């Protein structure tokens, strides 16, 4: 079973997306829906996806759960709740008990947009993470090198919570090197409860001149640090369309990877996502 562990839907006519500001985002400033993705997945021989939140909105999460219930290729949803809210437990229970609630597999917040690099260390945030753990969900870490020390602390504080690091912590690929990232990532990889998505890295390279060779030093380090049983493939569609097609992104990742055995590739392209997001009960109907 092949799973894309990181994709999005959005509609600028219905929601505002602060990260979509600027002319560079014009190519993706339109609605992207399941009807857009379905033929792409079929052509790429991908069975299912993890649909990931794009804004700090419980309403968006409700919409995504309903989309998951109506589209069998969406195996799970990583949604958003306000971890700092005193009502976080009730918010999570409402989502789990609502339409499509069985497809909620994790929670995420745009930590790298917070002014405080120690946001993950706040008492109210950790109270929220405890509620996520109690409900058997995972937590996606969206951080850069700046936030990695706080991320290391929090994954050690919650050894029973499954964490998934998005986009390999967004190294500065366009610069050719990221010493801070290189120094701090091994500490996070040392925590056995953290998996990592090989996703979204191509948009950290130079958009107009990137090649798989630009990605390779960073991808190889991630593979070395985490090992094949904690790697997840993610396209970051449709963000990836800023720099290439779905097929081009996946081909580039294959070219950037060190040699993997067939069984390790199966883990990368589905097995690890199935285990990490607890998708054992999910299956896709035949087309």
Protein backbone atom coordinates (compact mmCIF):
# COMPACT_ATOMS: atom_id res chain seq x y z
CA UNK A 1 0.00 0.00 0.00
CA UNK A 2 1.49 3.34 -1.11
CA UNK A 3 0.69 6.41 0.96
CA UNK A 4 1.47 10.09 0.43
CA UNK A 5 1.82 11.25 4.03
CA UNK A 6 1.53 14.99 3.38
CA UNK A 7 -0.89 16.82 1.11
CA UNK A 8 -3.29 19.77 1.36
CA UNK A 9 -6.54 21.16 0.03
CA UNK A 10 -7.54 24.82 0.14
CA UNK A 11 -9.86 27.43 -1.32
CA UNK A 12 -8.84 31.13 -1.16
CA UNK A 13 -12.43 32.11 -1.88
CA UNK A 14 -13.50 30.60 1.45
CA UNK A 15 -10.53 31.08 3.78
CA UNK A 16 -7.56 33.41 4.16
CA UNK A 17 -4.10 31.86 4.08
CA UNK A 18 -1.49 34.20 5.56
CA UNK A 19 1.39 32.09 4.23
CA UNK A 20 0.05 32.53 0.68
CA UNK A 21 0.95 36.24 0.53
CA UNK A 22 3.19 37.53 -2.27
CA UNK A 23 3.30 37.22 -6.04
CA UNK A 24 5.42 34.07 -5.89
CA UNK A 25 2.40 32.15 -4.63
CA UNK A 26 0.16 33.14 -7.55
CA UNK A 27 0.47 29.73 -9.29
CA UNK A 28 -1.28 28.01 -6.38
CA UNK A 29 -3.66 30.78 -5.36
CA UNK A 30 -6.80 28.89 -6.41
CA UNK A 31 -8.95 26.12 -5.04
CA UNK A 32 -7.41 22.64 -4.89
CA UNK A 33 -9.90 19.86 -4.23
CA UNK A 34 -10.09 16.06 -4.12
CA UNK A 35 -11.17 16.11 -7.78
CA UNK A 36 -7.85 17.77 -8.65
CA UNK A 37 -5.75 15.26 -6.71
CA UNK A 38 -7.53 12.01 -7.51
CA UNK A 39 -6.22 11.59 -11.09
CA UNK A 40 -2.73 12.62 -9.96
CA UNK A 41 -2.69 9.86 -7.36
CA UNK A 42 -4.01 7.34 -9.83
CA UNK A 43 -1.24 8.19 -12.31
CA UNK A 44 1.37 7.95 -9.55
CA UNK A 45 -0.02 4.65 -8.21
CA UNK A 46 -0.65 6.13 -4.76
CA UNK A 47 -3.41 4.46 -2.75
CA UNK A 48 -4.01 6.97 0.02
CA UNK A 49 -2.98 10.25 1.59
CA UNK A 50 -2.71 12.13 4.84
CA UNK A 51 -4.54 15.45 4.51
CA UNK A 52 -2.81 18.13 6.60
CA UNK A 53 -4.15 21.40 8.02
CA UNK A 54 -3.13 24.68 6.38
CA UNK A 55 -4.44 27.33 8.81
CA UNK A 56 -5.19 27.65 12.51
CA UNK A 57 -8.85 26.79 12.20
CA UNK A 58 -11.02 24.13 13.80
CA UNK A 59 -13.57 24.89 11.08
CA UNK A 60 -11.04 23.83 8.43
CA UNK A 61 -10.39 20.62 10.35
CA UNK A 62 -14.12 19.84 10.41
CA UNK A 63 -14.25 20.41 6.64
CA UNK A 64 -11.24 18.15 6.09
CA UNK A 65 -12.79 15.35 8.14
CA UNK A 66 -15.95 15.58 6.06
CA UNK A 67 -13.84 15.48 2.88
CA UNK A 68 -12.06 12.41 4.21
CA UNK A 69 -15.36 10.70 4.90
CA UNK A 70 -16.48 11.43 1.32
CA UNK A 71 -13.20 10.54 -0.43
CA UNK A 72 -11.82 7.13 0.36
CA UNK A 73 -8.27 7.95 -0.71
CA UNK A 74 -7.91 10.32 2.28
CA UNK A 75 -6.73 7.80 4.85
CA UNK A 76 -6.29 10.32 7.65
CA UNK A 77 -6.43 13.99 8.62
CA UNK A 78 -3.85 15.93 10.62
CA UNK A 79 -5.97 18.80 11.88
CA UNK A 80 -5.64 21.81 14.15
CA UNK A 81 -6.92 22.72 17.58
CA UNK A 82 -5.73 25.45 19.90
CA UNK A 83 -3.39 23.51 22.18
CA UNK A 84 -3.25 26.48 24.57
CA UNK A 85 -7.02 26.57 25.11
CA UNK A 86 -8.50 25.37 28.41
CA UNK A 87 -11.14 23.69 26.23
CA UNK A 88 -8.64 21.67 24.18
CA UNK A 89 -9.96 18.34 25.45
CA UNK A 90 -13.53 19.24 24.52
CA UNK A 91 -12.38 20.51 21.11
CA UNK A 92 -10.61 17.25 20.36
CA UNK A 93 -13.56 15.16 21.52
CA UNK A 94 -15.95 17.21 19.40
CA UNK A 95 -13.84 16.54 16.30
CA UNK A 96 -13.47 12.84 17.08
CA UNK A 97 -17.19 12.43 17.69
CA UNK A 98 -18.27 14.52 14.69
CA UNK A 99 -18.66 13.66 10.99
CA UNK A 100 -15.55 11.89 9.73
CA UNK A 101 -14.03 11.94 13.20
CA UNK A 102 -12.58 8.46 12.83
CA UNK A 103 -10.23 9.87 10.17
CA UNK A 104 -8.57 12.28 12.62
CA UNK A 105 -5.08 10.88 13.13
CA UNK A 106 -3.06 13.85 14.35
CA UNK A 107 -2.77 17.53 15.21
CA UNK A 108 -0.42 20.22 13.89
CA UNK A 109 0.36 23.87 14.50
CA UNK A 110 2.63 26.22 12.49
CA UNK A 111 5.20 26.42 15.28
CA UNK A 112 7.82 28.04 13.06
CA UNK A 113 5.54 31.08 12.68
CA UNK A 114 5.40 31.71 16.43
CA UNK A 115 7.53 34.62 17.68
CA UNK A 116 8.71 32.55 20.63
CA UNK A 117 11.19 29.80 19.61
CA UNK A 118 10.35 28.06 22.90
CA UNK A 119 6.61 27.92 22.18
CA UNK A 120 6.60 24.13 22.46
CA UNK A 121 7.88 24.44 26.03
CA UNK A 122 4.94 26.48 27.30
CA UNK A 123 2.88 24.85 30.06
CA UNK A 124 -0.39 25.40 28.22
CA UNK A 125 0.99 23.89 25.01
CA UNK A 126 2.17 20.82 26.88
CA UNK A 127 -1.23 20.48 28.55
CA UNK A 128 -2.68 20.40 25.05
CA UNK A 129 -0.15 17.80 23.91
CA UNK A 130 -1.12 15.64 26.87
CA UNK A 131 -4.73 15.76 25.62
CA UNK A 132 -3.55 14.74 22.13
CA UNK A 133 -1.67 11.78 23.64
CA UNK A 134 -4.64 10.72 25.76
CA UNK A 135 -6.76 10.40 22.62
CA UNK A 136 -4.26 8.22 20.78
CA UNK A 137 -3.42 10.87 18.20
CA UNK A 138 -0.02 11.89 16.86
CA UNK A 139 1.50 15.36 16.67
CA UNK A 140 3.14 16.81 13.54
CA UNK A 141 6.10 19.10 14.28
CA UNK A 142 6.31 22.03 11.85
CA UNK A 143 9.60 23.61 12.86
CA UNK A 144 12.85 24.95 11.46
CA UNK A 145 16.33 24.86 12.99
CA UNK A 146 15.43 27.76 15.32
CA UNK A 147 12.78 25.68 17.10
CA UNK A 148 14.65 22.36 17.16
CA UNK A 149 15.99 22.70 20.75
CA UNK A 150 12.43 23.15 22.05
CA UNK A 151 11.30 20.26 19.85
CA UNK A 152 13.98 18.00 21.33
CA UNK A 153 12.84 18.90 24.84
CA UNK A 154 9.17 18.23 24.12
CA UNK A 155 9.65 14.84 22.45
CA UNK A 156 11.72 13.76 25.46
CA UNK A 157 9.00 15.03 27.81
CA UNK A 158 6.35 12.95 25.96
CA UNK A 159 8.04 9.62 25.18
CA UNK A 160 4.68 7.93 24.56
CA UNK A 161 3.43 10.53 22.07
CA UNK A 162 4.11 9.82 18.40
CA UNK A 163 5.71 12.85 16.76
CA UNK A 164 6.15 13.37 13.01
CA UNK A 165 8.66 15.97 11.84
CA UNK A 166 7.35 17.71 8.74
CA UNK A 167 9.57 18.58 5.77
CA UNK A 168 12.75 17.44 7.47
CA UNK A 169 12.61 20.66 9.55
CA UNK A 170 13.03 22.75 6.38
CA UNK A 171 16.80 22.98 5.97
CA UNK A 172 18.25 25.92 4.02
CA UNK A 173 18.82 23.93 0.85
CA UNK A 174 19.02 27.01 -1.38
CA UNK A 175 22.02 28.18 0.65
CA UNK A 176 23.78 24.86 0.09
CA UNK A 177 24.34 24.31 3.82
CA UNK A 178 22.55 24.79 7.12
CA UNK A 179 25.02 24.41 10.01
CA UNK A 180 22.42 25.07 12.71
CA UNK A 181 20.09 22.44 11.24
CA UNK A 182 22.96 19.96 10.88
CA UNK A 183 24.01 20.46 14.50
CA UNK A 184 20.54 20.21 16.02
CA UNK A 185 18.78 17.50 14.01
CA UNK A 186 20.64 14.50 15.49
CA UNK A 187 19.25 15.34 18.93
CA UNK A 188 15.72 15.08 17.61
CA UNK A 189 16.44 11.93 15.62
CA UNK A 190 17.80 10.30 18.80
CA UNK A 191 14.25 10.20 20.20
CA UNK A 192 12.66 6.91 19.08
CA UNK A 193 9.15 8.40 19.15
CA UNK A 194 9.90 10.77 16.25
CA UNK A 195 9.40 9.93 12.56
CA UNK A 196 10.22 12.33 9.72
CA UNK A 197 8.60 13.23 6.44
CA UNK A 198 10.76 13.54 3.34
CA UNK A 199 8.38 16.20 2.08
CA UNK A 200 8.43 19.88 1.24
CA UNK A 201 12.20 20.00 0.92
CA UNK A 202 12.23 20.91 -2.76
CA UNK A 203 10.61 24.28 -2.04
CA UNK A 204 13.50 25.02 0.33
CA UNK A 205 15.83 24.81 -2.69
CA UNK A 206 16.15 27.45 -5.42
CA UNK A 207 12.79 27.33 -7.19
CA UNK A 208 14.13 28.05 -10.67
CA UNK A 209 17.41 26.08 -10.71
CA UNK A 210 16.95 23.17 -8.26
CA UNK A 211 17.99 19.64 -9.08
CA UNK A 212 17.95 16.38 -7.18
CA UNK A 213 21.65 16.92 -6.51
CA UNK A 214 20.75 19.98 -4.40
CA UNK A 215 18.49 17.85 -2.23
CA UNK A 216 20.80 14.86 -1.90
CA UNK A 217 23.14 16.01 0.93
CA UNK A 218 20.17 16.94 3.10
CA UNK A 219 18.08 13.86 2.28
CA UNK A 220 21.05 11.57 2.90
CA UNK A 221 21.61 13.11 6.34
CA UNK A 222 17.96 12.65 7.29
CA UNK A 223 18.03 9.01 6.18
CA UNK A 224 21.24 8.44 8.14
CA UNK A 225 19.89 10.08 11.30
CA UNK A 226 16.44 8.48 11.36
CA UNK A 227 16.93 5.16 9.59
CA UNK A 228 14.56 3.54 7.08
CA UNK A 229 11.88 2.57 9.60
CA UNK A 230 11.07 6.21 10.51
CA UNK A 231 10.93 7.81 7.04
CA UNK A 232 7.65 8.87 5.39
CA UNK A 233 7.16 10.07 1.83
CA UNK A 234 5.09 13.22 1.40
CA UNK A 235 4.51 15.22 -1.77
CA UNK A 236 3.41 18.48 -0.10
CA UNK A 237 0.95 18.79 -3.00
CA UNK A 238 -0.14 21.36 -4.14
CA UNK A 239 2.63 23.50 -2.61
CA UNK A 240 5.08 21.40 -4.62
CA UNK A 241 3.51 22.67 -7.85
CA UNK A 242 5.41 25.92 -7.31
CA UNK A 243 8.55 24.11 -8.44
CA UNK A 244 7.47 20.97 -10.30
CA UNK A 245 4.84 18.37 -11.02
CA UNK A 246 3.91 15.59 -8.63
CA UNK A 247 5.90 13.12 -10.70
CA UNK A 248 8.93 15.41 -10.87
CA UNK A 249 8.95 15.83 -7.09
CA UNK A 250 8.75 12.10 -6.46
CA UNK A 251 11.40 11.34 -9.08
CA UNK A 252 13.72 13.91 -7.51
CA UNK A 253 13.31 12.31 -4.09
CA UNK A 254 14.14 8.90 -5.54
CA UNK A 255 17.28 10.37 -7.10
CA UNK A 256 18.28 12.08 -3.85
CA UNK A 257 17.88 8.98 -1.68
CA UNK A 258 20.77 6.71 -0.80
CA UNK A 259 20.37 3.10 -1.90
CA UNK A 260 17.46 1.46 -0.09
CA UNK A 261 16.38 -2.15 -0.17
CA UNK A 262 12.96 -2.95 -1.68
CA UNK A 263 11.55 -3.55 1.80
CA UNK A 264 12.91 -0.21 3.06
CA UNK A 265 11.38 1.57 0.07
CA UNK A 266 8.06 -0.05 0.90
CA UNK A 267 8.35 1.38 4.41
CA UNK A 268 9.14 4.86 3.06
CA UNK A 269 6.27 4.85 0.58
CA UNK A 270 3.57 3.49 2.84
CA UNK A 271 4.44 1.09 5.62
CA UNK A 272 5.82 3.70 7.99
CA UNK A 273 2.86 6.04 7.41
CA UNK A 274 0.43 3.22 8.06
CA UNK A 275 2.11 2.41 11.38
CA UNK A 276 2.84 5.98 12.51
CA UNK A 277 -0.67 7.27 11.82
CA UNK A 278 -2.34 4.00 12.88
CA UNK A 279 -4.14 3.42 9.59
CA UNK A 280 -4.68 -0.30 10.09
CA UNK A 281 -8.44 0.09 9.83
CA UNK A 282 -8.35 2.09 6.61
CA UNK A 283 -8.80 0.63 3.15
CA UNK A 284 -9.57 2.20 -0.19
CA UNK A 285 -12.41 0.99 -2.33
CA UNK A 286 -11.43 -0.15 -5.81
CA UNK A 287 -11.73 2.51 -8.51
